[in-house]
PDB file of N, CA and C in Angstrom:
ATOM      1  N   MET A   1      28.732  -3.564  -7.261  1.00  0.00           N
ATOM      2  CA  MET A   1      27.665  -4.000  -6.312  1.00  0.00           C
ATOM      3  C   MET A   1      26.514  -3.796  -7.012  1.00  0.00           C
ATOM      4  N   LYS A   2      25.299  -4.811  -7.523  1.00  0.00           N
ATOM      5  CA  LYS A   2      24.210  -4.557  -7.693  1.00  0.00           C
ATOM      6  C   LYS A   2      23.069  -4.237  -7.289  1.00  0.00           C
ATOM      7  N   THR A   3      22.372  -2.886  -7.252  1.00  0.00           N
ATOM      8  CA  THR A   3      21.097  -3.222  -6.472  1.00  0.00           C
ATOM      9  C   THR A   3      20.179  -3.726  -7.168  1.00  0.00           C
ATOM     10  N   GLN A   4      18.604  -3.736  -6.036  1.00  0.00           N
ATOM     11  CA  GLN A   4      17.850  -4.586  -5.979  1.00  0.00           C
ATOM     12  C   GLN A   4      16.813  -3.870  -6.022  1.00  0.00           C
ATOM     13  N   GLU A   5      16.300  -3.433  -7.018  1.00  0.00           N
ATOM     14  CA  GLU A   5      14.653  -2.197  -6.861  1.00  0.00           C
ATOM     15  C   GLU A   5      13.419  -2.638  -7.220  1.00  0.00           C
ATOM     16  N   LEU A   6      12.872  -2.273  -5.939  1.00  0.00           N
ATOM     17  CA  LEU A   6      11.680  -3.002  -5.872  1.00  0.00           C
ATOM     18  C   LEU A   6      10.961  -2.302  -6.489  1.00  0.00           C
ATOM     19  N   LYS A   7       9.715  -3.415  -6.854  1.00  0.00           N
ATOM     20  CA  LYS A   7       8.465  -2.617  -7.880  1.00  0.00           C
ATOM     21  C   LYS A   7       7.397  -2.398  -6.537  1.00  0.00           C
ATOM     22  N   TYR A   8       7.259  -3.497  -5.777  1.00  0.00           N
ATOM     23  CA  TYR A   8       6.143  -3.693  -4.623  1.00  0.00           C
ATOM     24  C   TYR A   8       6.524  -3.462  -3.579  1.00  0.00           C
ATOM     25  N   VAL A   9       5.245  -3.407  -2.774  1.00  0.00           N
ATOM     26  CA  VAL A   9       5.578  -2.718  -1.313  1.00  0.00           C
ATOM     27  C   VAL A   9       4.682  -3.768  -0.523  1.00  0.00           C
ATOM     28  N   THR A  10       4.712  -4.096   0.501  1.00  0.00           N
ATOM     29  CA  THR A  10       3.576  -5.040   1.387  1.00  0.00           C
ATOM     30  C   THR A  10       2.604  -3.916   2.206  1.00  0.00           C
ATOM     31  N   ARG A  11       1.654  -4.322   2.327  1.00  0.00           N
ATOM     32  CA  ARG A  11       0.962  -3.938   3.273  1.00  0.00           C
ATOM     33  C   ARG A  11       1.444  -2.708   4.474  1.00  0.00           C
ATOM     34  N   ARG A  12       2.045  -3.969   4.809  1.00  0.00           N
ATOM     35  CA  ARG A  12       2.870  -2.913   7.126  1.00  0.00           C
ATOM     36  C   ARG A  12       3.615  -2.300   6.267  1.00  0.00           C
ATOM     37  N   ARG A  13       4.421  -2.501   5.361  1.00  0.00           N
ATOM     38  CA  ARG A  13       5.577  -1.144   5.296  1.00  0.00           C
ATOM     39  C   ARG A  13       5.174  -0.318   4.156  1.00  0.00           C
ATOM     40  N   ALA A  14       3.863  -0.284   3.414  1.00  0.00           N
ATOM     41  CA  ALA A  14       3.072   0.884   3.178  1.00  0.00           C
ATOM     42  C   ALA A  14       2.631   1.946   4.297  1.00  0.00           C
ATOM     43  N   ALA A  15       1.878   1.657   5.220  1.00  0.00           N
ATOM     44  CA  ALA A  15       0.924   1.825   6.105  1.00  0.00           C
ATOM     45  C   ALA A  15       2.659   2.671   6.998  1.00  0.00           C
ATOM     46  N   VAL A  16       3.443   1.872   7.258  1.00  0.00           N
ATOM     47  CA  VAL A  16       4.306   2.773   7.864  1.00  0.00           C
ATOM     48  C   VAL A  16       4.923   4.360   6.898  1.00  0.00           C
ATOM     49  N   LEU A  17       5.573   3.667   5.462  1.00  0.00           N
ATOM     50  CA  LEU A  17       5.720   4.600   4.711  1.00  0.00           C
ATOM     51  C   LEU A  17       4.707   5.921   4.883  1.00  0.00           C
ATOM     52  N   LEU A  18       3.301   5.974   4.163  1.00  0.00           N
ATOM     53  CA  LEU A  18       2.369   6.427   4.587  1.00  0.00           C
ATOM     54  C   LEU A  18       2.098   7.024   5.982  1.00  0.00           C
ATOM     55  N   GLY A  19       2.648   6.552   7.123  1.00  0.00           N
ATOM     56  CA  GLY A  19       2.611   7.245   8.542  1.00  0.00           C
ATOM     57  C   GLY A  19       0.305   6.932   8.885  1.00  0.00           C
ATOM     58  N   LEU A  20       0.235   6.198   8.424  1.00  0.00           N
ATOM     59  CA  LEU A  20      -0.986   5.329   8.385  1.00  0.00           C
ATOM     60  C   LEU A  20      -1.235   4.005   9.234  1.00  0.00           C
ATOM     61  N   SER A  21      -2.322   3.684  10.096  1.00  0.00           N
ATOM     62  CA  SER A  21      -2.451   1.694  10.580  1.00  0.00           C
ATOM     63  C   SER A  21      -2.374   1.188   9.850  1.00  0.00           C
ATOM     64  N   GLU A  22      -2.258  -0.006   8.975  1.00  0.00           N
ATOM     65  CA  GLU A  22      -2.815  -0.920   8.127  1.00  0.00           C
ATOM     66  C   GLU A  22      -4.221  -1.440   7.921  1.00  0.00           C
ATOM     67  N   PRO A  23      -4.802  -1.074   9.176  1.00  0.00           N
ATOM     68  CA  PRO A  23      -6.606  -1.171   9.186  1.00  0.00           C
ATOM     69  C   PRO A  23      -6.675  -0.140   8.620  1.00  0.00           C
ATOM     70  N   GLU A  24      -6.390   1.233   8.845  1.00  0.00           N
ATOM     71  CA  GLU A  24      -6.957   2.408   8.019  1.00  0.00           C
ATOM     72  C   GLU A  24      -5.904   2.572   6.683  1.00  0.00           C
ATOM     73  N   LEU A  25      -5.342   2.339   5.968  1.00  0.00           N
ATOM     74  CA  LEU A  25      -4.411   2.075   4.705  1.00  0.00           C
ATOM     75  C   LEU A  25      -5.771   0.672   3.817  1.00  0.00           C
ATOM     76  N   SER A  26      -6.005  -0.208   4.445  1.00  0.00           N
ATOM     77  CA  SER A  26      -6.697  -1.578   4.041  1.00  0.00           C
ATOM     78  C   SER A  26      -8.248  -1.220   3.926  1.00  0.00           C
ATOM     79  N   ARG A  27      -8.579  -0.190   4.532  1.00  0.00           N
ATOM     80  CA  ARG A  27      -9.780   0.778   4.419  1.00  0.00           C
ATOM     81  C   ARG A  27      -9.936   2.095   2.888  1.00  0.00           C
ATOM     82  N   LEU A  28      -8.593   2.393   3.047  1.00  0.00           N
ATOM     83  CA  LEU A  28      -8.496   3.447   1.837  1.00  0.00           C
ATOM     84  C   LEU A  28      -8.366   2.176   0.346  1.00  0.00           C
ATOM     85  N   SER A  29      -7.117   1.214   0.452  1.00  0.00           N
ATOM     86  CA  SER A  29      -7.462   0.698  -0.463  1.00  0.00           C
ATOM     87  C   SER A  29      -8.348  -0.258  -1.245  1.00  0.00           C
ATOM     88  N   SER A  30      -8.865  -0.598  -0.606  1.00  0.00           N
ATOM     89  CA  SER A  30     -10.497  -1.055  -0.653  1.00  0.00           C
ATOM     90  C   SER A  30     -11.406   0.002  -1.261  1.00  0.00           C
ATOM     91  N   GLU A  31     -11.293   1.209  -0.772  1.00  0.00           N
ATOM     92  CA  GLU A  31     -12.234   1.841  -1.342  1.00  0.00           C
ATOM     93  C   GLU A  31     -12.304   2.108  -2.673  1.00  0.00           C
ATOM     94  N   CYS A  32     -10.401   2.710  -2.696  1.00  0.00           N
ATOM     95  CA  CYS A  32     -10.199   3.410  -3.595  1.00  0.00           C
ATOM     96  C   CYS A  32      -9.802   2.020  -5.139  1.00  0.00           C
ATOM     97  N   GLY A  33      -9.587   1.027  -4.558  1.00  0.00           N
ATOM     98  CA  GLY A  33      -8.921  -0.028  -5.563  1.00  0.00           C
ATOM     99  C   GLY A  33      -7.656  -0.457  -5.431  1.00  0.00           C
ATOM    100  N   PHE A  34      -7.643   0.078  -4.709  1.00  0.00           N
ATOM    101  CA  PHE A  34      -5.305  -0.154  -5.361  1.00  0.00           C
ATOM    102  C   PHE A  34      -5.026  -1.488  -4.154  1.00  0.00           C
ATOM    103  N   GLY A  35      -3.639  -1.610  -5.074  1.00  0.00           N
ATOM    104  CA  GLY A  35      -3.417  -2.594  -4.063  1.00  0.00           C
ATOM    105  C   GLY A  35      -3.723  -4.190  -4.726  1.00  0.00           C
ATOM    106  N   HIS A  36      -3.095  -4.963  -4.641  1.00  0.00           N
ATOM    107  CA  HIS A  36      -3.275  -6.391  -4.875  1.00  0.00           C
ATOM    108  C   HIS A  36      -3.365  -7.505  -4.052  1.00  0.00           C
ATOM    109  N   THR A  37      -3.733  -8.346  -3.970  1.00  0.00           N
ATOM    110  CA  THR A  37      -3.691  -9.321  -3.396  1.00  0.00           C
ATOM    111  C   THR A  37      -3.606 -10.616  -3.852  1.00  0.00           C
ATOM    112  N   GLU A  38      -2.671 -11.204  -3.136  1.00  0.00           N
ATOM    113  CA  GLU A  38      -1.987 -12.657  -3.727  1.00  0.00           C
ATOM    114  C   GLU A  38      -2.282 -13.708  -2.022  1.00  0.00           C
ATOM    115  N   VAL A  39      -2.480 -15.002  -2.549  1.00  0.00           N
ATOM    116  CA  VAL A  39      -3.158 -15.728  -1.718  1.00  0.00           C
ATOM    117  C   VAL A  39      -1.816 -17.041  -1.764  1.00  0.00           C
ATOM    118  N   SER A  40      -1.347 -17.164  -0.853  1.00  0.00           N
ATOM    119  CA  SER A  40      -0.391 -19.081  -1.028  1.00  0.00           C
ATOM    120  C   SER A  40      -0.799 -19.565  -0.152  1.00  0.00           C
ATOM    121  N   GLY A  41      -1.479 -21.008  -0.449  1.00  0.00           N
ATOM    122  CA  GLY A  41      -1.762 -21.723   0.945  1.00  0.00           C
ATOM    123  C   GLY A  41      -3.006 -20.407   1.642  1.00  0.00           C
ATOM    124  N   GLN A  42      -2.746 -20.923   2.600  1.00  0.00           N
ATOM    125  CA  GLN A  42      -3.855 -20.324   4.119  1.00  0.00           C
ATOM    126  C   GLN A  42      -2.948 -18.310   4.563  1.00  0.00           C
ATOM    127  N   GLU A  43      -1.832 -17.673   3.555  1.00  0.00           N
ATOM    128  CA  GLU A  43      -1.615 -16.846   3.321  1.00  0.00           C
ATOM    129  C   GLU A  43      -2.066 -15.942   2.660  1.00  0.00           C
ATOM    130  N   GLU A  44      -1.774 -15.349   2.628  1.00  0.00           N
ATOM    131  CA  GLU A  44      -2.448 -13.643   2.014  1.00  0.00           C
ATOM    132  C   GLU A  44      -1.893 -12.496   2.581  1.00  0.00           C
ATOM    133  N   GLU A  45      -1.333 -11.933   1.187  1.00  0.00           N
ATOM    134  CA  GLU A  45      -0.639 -10.661   1.798  1.00  0.00           C
ATOM    135  C   GLU A  45      -1.438  -9.253   0.515  1.00  0.00           C
ATOM    136  N   THR A  46      -1.134  -8.420   0.861  1.00  0.00           N
ATOM    137  CA  THR A  46      -1.785  -7.243  -0.106  1.00  0.00           C
ATOM    138  C   THR A  46      -0.678  -6.769  -1.016  1.00  0.00           C
ATOM    139  N   PHE A  47      -0.007  -6.693  -1.942  1.00  0.00           N
ATOM    140  CA  PHE A  47       1.475  -5.622  -1.864  1.00  0.00           C
ATOM    141  C   PHE A  47       0.491  -4.034  -3.101  1.00  0.00           C
ATOM    142  N   PHE A  48       1.696  -3.179  -2.923  1.00  0.00           N
ATOM    143  CA  PHE A  48       0.819  -2.279  -3.039  1.00  0.00           C
ATOM    144  C   PHE A  48       2.177  -1.172  -4.212  1.00  0.00           C
ATOM    145  N   THR A  49       2.584  -0.754  -5.671  1.00  0.00           N
ATOM    146  CA  THR A  49       3.447  -0.531  -6.623  1.00  0.00           C
ATOM    147  C   THR A  49       3.359   1.288  -6.168  1.00  0.00           C
ATOM    148  N   TYR A  50       4.538   1.235  -5.704  1.00  0.00           N
ATOM    149  CA  TYR A  50       5.059   2.921  -5.692  1.00  0.00           C
ATOM    150  C   TYR A  50       4.144   4.285  -5.605  1.00  0.00           C
ATOM    151  N   GLU A  51       3.514   3.709  -7.136  1.00  0.00           N
ATOM    152  CA  GLU A  51       2.511   4.486  -7.611  1.00  0.00           C
ATOM    153  C   GLU A  51       1.260   4.753  -7.586  1.00  0.00           C
ATOM    154  N   GLU A  52       0.381   3.697  -6.631  1.00  0.00           N
ATOM    155  CA  GLU A  52      -0.880   3.767  -5.743  1.00  0.00           C
ATOM    156  C   GLU A  52      -0.205   4.448  -4.520  1.00  0.00           C
ATOM    157  N   LEU A  53       0.705   3.634  -3.755  1.00  0.00           N
ATOM    158  CA  LEU A  53       1.186   5.056  -2.769  1.00  0.00           C
ATOM    159  C   LEU A  53       1.009   6.124  -2.885  1.00  0.00           C
ATOM    160  N   ARG A  54       1.532   6.660  -3.941  1.00  0.00           N
ATOM    161  CA  ARG A  54       1.567   8.092  -4.336  1.00  0.00           C
ATOM    162  C   ARG A  54      -0.009   8.688  -4.449  1.00  0.00           C
ATOM    163  N   GLN A  55      -0.490   7.764  -5.191  1.00  0.00           N
ATOM    164  CA  GLN A  55      -1.804   8.332  -5.075  1.00  0.00           C
ATOM    165  C   GLN A  55      -2.827   8.410  -4.278  1.00  0.00           C
ATOM    166  N   ILE A  56      -2.640   7.385  -2.820  1.00  0.00           N
ATOM    167  CA  ILE A  56      -2.687   7.429  -1.643  1.00  0.00           C
ATOM    168  C   ILE A  56      -2.792   8.273  -0.984  1.00  0.00           C
ATOM    169  N   CYS A  57      -1.338   8.573  -0.668  1.00  0.00           N
ATOM    170  CA  CYS A  57      -0.913   9.775  -0.376  1.00  0.00           C
ATOM    171  C   CYS A  57      -1.484  10.959  -0.908  1.00  0.00           C
ATOM    172  N   LEU A  58      -1.806  11.407  -1.868  1.00  0.00           N
ATOM    173  CA  LEU A  58      -2.302  12.815  -2.518  1.00  0.00           C
ATOM    174  C   LEU A  58      -3.760  12.109  -2.241  1.00  0.00           C
ATOM    175  N   LEU A  59      -4.866  11.162  -2.088  1.00  0.00           N
ATOM    176  CA  LEU A  59      -6.200  11.537  -1.734  1.00  0.00           C
ATOM    177  C   LEU A  59      -5.945  11.837  -0.266  1.00  0.00           C
ATOM    178  N   THR A  60      -4.742  10.802   0.536  1.00  0.00           N
ATOM    179  CA  THR A  60      -5.247  11.498   1.939  1.00  0.00           C
ATOM    180  C   THR A  60      -4.778  12.926   2.585  1.00  0.00           C
ATOM    181  N   VAL A  61      -3.975  13.615   1.714  1.00  0.00           N
ATOM    182  CA  VAL A  61      -3.646  14.927   1.986  1.00  0.00           C
ATOM    183  C   VAL A  61      -4.755  15.686   1.045  1.00  0.00           C
ATOM    184  N   ASN A  62      -5.562  15.845   0.152  1.00  0.00           N
ATOM    185  CA  ASN A  62      -6.489  16.408  -0.458  1.00  0.00           C
ATOM    186  C   ASN A  62      -7.764  16.047   0.951  1.00  0.00           C
ATOM    187  N   HIS A  63      -8.191  14.499   1.473  1.00  0.00           N
ATOM    188  CA  HIS A  63      -8.798  14.646   2.059  1.00  0.00           C
ATOM    189  C   HIS A  63      -8.877  15.674   3.254  1.00  0.00           C
ATOM    190  N   VAL A  64      -7.088  16.225   3.444  1.00  0.00           N
ATOM    191  CA  VAL A  64      -7.153  15.849   5.437  1.00  0.00           C
ATOM    192  C   VAL A  64      -7.583  18.021   4.758  1.00  0.00           C
ATOM    193  N   HIS A  65      -7.036  18.566   3.948  1.00  0.00           N
ATOM    194  CA  HIS A  65      -7.435  20.207   3.393  1.00  0.00           C
ATOM    195  C   HIS A  65      -8.643  20.023   2.797  1.00  0.00           C
TER     196      HIS A  65
END
């Protein structure tokens, strides 16, 4: 059985993984320039790479300390 490795994470999943609310993650990502948004018709979704999640995590930890 072959497992598929995900390269991107949706905003909702990223917020859960980081322990942040979606609005807080959106604010951080727009301030730092992380994530990319794709539009399909009237649907819009923001995706993050795992490296971007790692950097956001480091930023939030450094901000708290």
